[in-house]
Amino acid sequence: MEALKRHIKSTKIAEIEIEMKLYIDECTRLRTQLEEVIRSKDTFADPQEVRIIEERFQQQEMVIAGLRNENNEILLAFSGKDQEIMQLKDLIERSKKHGTKDASKLK
């Protein structure tokens, strides 16, 4: 039993060591990529490109804000329609109750 417990513990330790090595390898890979990007002359080095990207972001933010407003308006419309449906259901239920009372009076 002790040997089995030690085996399980050593297996878990080995798994953790492998995961740790993979994590270190991934961090090293990402760091290398980041350093390459920093060293390279990417589009962000050009102020003109930065302005173009910022303008695109602003345009996208305006579109998103517009869509949010439309979404809120639609939600309000749905809420109003839901209330209208509930009122109509209540009206139908009341008319059914009154209709059965009126029908029994006719007999």
Protein backbone atom coordinates (compact mmCIF):
# COMPACT_ATOMS: atom_id res chain seq x y z
CA MET A 1 0.00 0.00 0.00
CA GLU A 2 2.83 2.40 0.85
CA ALA A 3 4.55 1.64 -2.43
CA LEU A 4 1.34 2.44 -4.30
CA LYS A 5 0.93 5.73 -2.41
CA ARG A 6 4.52 6.70 -3.21
CA HIS A 7 3.96 5.74 -6.83
CA ILE A 8 0.84 7.95 -7.05
CA LYS A 9 2.66 10.85 -5.39
CA SER A 10 5.65 10.47 -7.68
CA THR A 11 3.33 10.33 -10.69
CA LYS A 12 1.64 13.56 -9.62
CA ILE A 13 5.01 15.20 -9.04
CA ALA A 14 6.19 14.07 -12.47
CA GLU A 15 3.03 15.50 -14.07
CA ILE A 16 3.54 18.82 -12.32
CA GLU A 17 7.19 18.91 -13.39
CA ILE A 18 6.17 18.26 -17.02
CA GLU A 19 3.50 20.97 -16.86
CA MET A 20 6.01 23.37 -15.35
CA LYS A 21 8.53 22.64 -18.11
CA LEU A 22 5.85 23.19 -20.78
CA TYR A 23 4.88 26.46 -19.11
CA ILE A 24 8.50 27.63 -19.04
CA ASP A 25 8.94 26.66 -22.70
CA GLU A 26 5.79 28.57 -23.68
CA CYS A 27 6.91 31.65 -21.72
CA THR A 28 10.29 31.51 -23.42
CA ARG A 29 8.64 31.20 -26.84
CA LEU A 30 6.34 34.13 -26.18
CA ARG A 31 9.18 36.24 -24.84
CA THR A 32 11.22 35.54 -27.98
CA GLN A 33 8.29 36.54 -30.18
CA LEU A 34 7.73 39.71 -28.18
CA GLU A 35 11.39 40.66 -28.44
CA GLU A 36 11.28 40.10 -32.21
CA VAL A 37 8.25 42.34 -32.54
CA ILE A 38 9.88 45.03 -30.45
CA ARG A 39 13.07 44.86 -32.52
CA SER A 40 11.29 44.84 -35.86
CA LYS A 41 9.99 47.98 -37.50
CA ASP A 42 6.29 47.27 -37.39
CA THR A 43 3.45 49.53 -38.53
CA PHE A 44 3.22 51.18 -35.12
CA ALA A 45 6.53 52.91 -35.71
CA ASP A 46 4.87 55.03 -38.44
CA PRO A 47 2.77 57.87 -36.93
CA GLN A 48 0.58 57.92 -40.06
CA GLU A 49 -0.33 54.26 -39.54
CA VAL A 50 -1.05 54.91 -35.87
CA ARG A 51 -3.46 57.73 -36.79
CA ILE A 52 -5.22 55.51 -39.34
CA ILE A 53 -5.62 52.73 -36.78
CA GLU A 54 -6.90 55.19 -34.14
CA GLU A 55 -9.45 56.57 -36.62
CA ARG A 56 -10.64 53.05 -37.38
CA PHE A 57 -11.01 52.34 -33.67
CA GLN A 58 -13.01 55.54 -33.22
CA GLN A 59 -15.27 54.62 -36.13
CA GLN A 60 -15.78 51.15 -34.70
CA GLU A 61 -16.57 52.62 -31.28
CA MET A 62 -19.18 54.91 -32.86
CA VAL A 63 -20.74 51.95 -34.69
CA ILE A 64 -20.77 49.92 -31.47
CA ALA A 65 -22.37 52.81 -29.56
CA GLY A 66 -25.03 53.10 -32.27
CA LEU A 67 -25.74 49.38 -32.12
CA ARG A 68 -26.02 49.55 -28.33
CA ASN A 69 -28.54 52.38 -28.63
CA GLU A 70 -30.55 50.41 -31.21
CA ASN A 71 -30.40 47.35 -28.97
CA ASN A 72 -31.72 49.35 -26.00
CA GLU A 73 -34.54 50.78 -28.14
CA ILE A 74 -35.48 47.29 -29.31
CA LEU A 75 -35.45 46.01 -25.72
CA LEU A 76 -37.76 48.85 -24.69
CA ALA A 77 -40.07 48.06 -27.60
CA PHE A 78 -40.13 44.37 -26.66
CA SER A 79 -40.85 45.29 -23.05
CA GLY A 80 -43.76 47.46 -24.15
CA LYS A 81 -45.10 44.69 -26.37
CA ASP A 82 -44.75 42.18 -23.52
CA GLN A 83 -46.83 44.47 -21.29
CA GLU A 84 -49.39 44.86 -24.06
CA ILE A 85 -49.59 41.07 -24.45
CA MET A 86 -50.11 40.63 -20.72
CA GLN A 87 -52.91 43.23 -20.75
CA LEU A 88 -54.56 41.48 -23.69
CA LYS A 89 -54.30 38.11 -21.93
CA ASP A 90 -55.94 39.61 -18.85
CA LEU A 91 -58.67 41.09 -21.02
CA ILE A 92 -59.29 37.74 -22.70
CA GLU A 93 -59.41 35.95 -19.33
CA ARG A 94 -61.89 38.50 -17.99
CA SER A 95 -64.03 38.28 -21.11
CA LYS A 96 -64.03 34.46 -20.83
CA LYS A 97 -65.18 34.68 -17.22
CA HIS A 98 -67.87 37.20 -18.07
CA GLY A 99 -68.83 35.23 -21.16
CA THR A 100 -69.49 32.06 -19.16
CA LYS A 101 -71.51 34.04 -16.61
CA ASP A 102 -73.53 35.66 -19.37
CA ALA A 103 -74.10 32.29 -21.07
CA SER A 104 -75.42 30.77 -17.83
CA LYS A 105 -77.83 33.70 -17.43
CA LEU A 106 -79.28 33.03 -20.89
CA LYS A 107 -80.33 29.50 -19.95
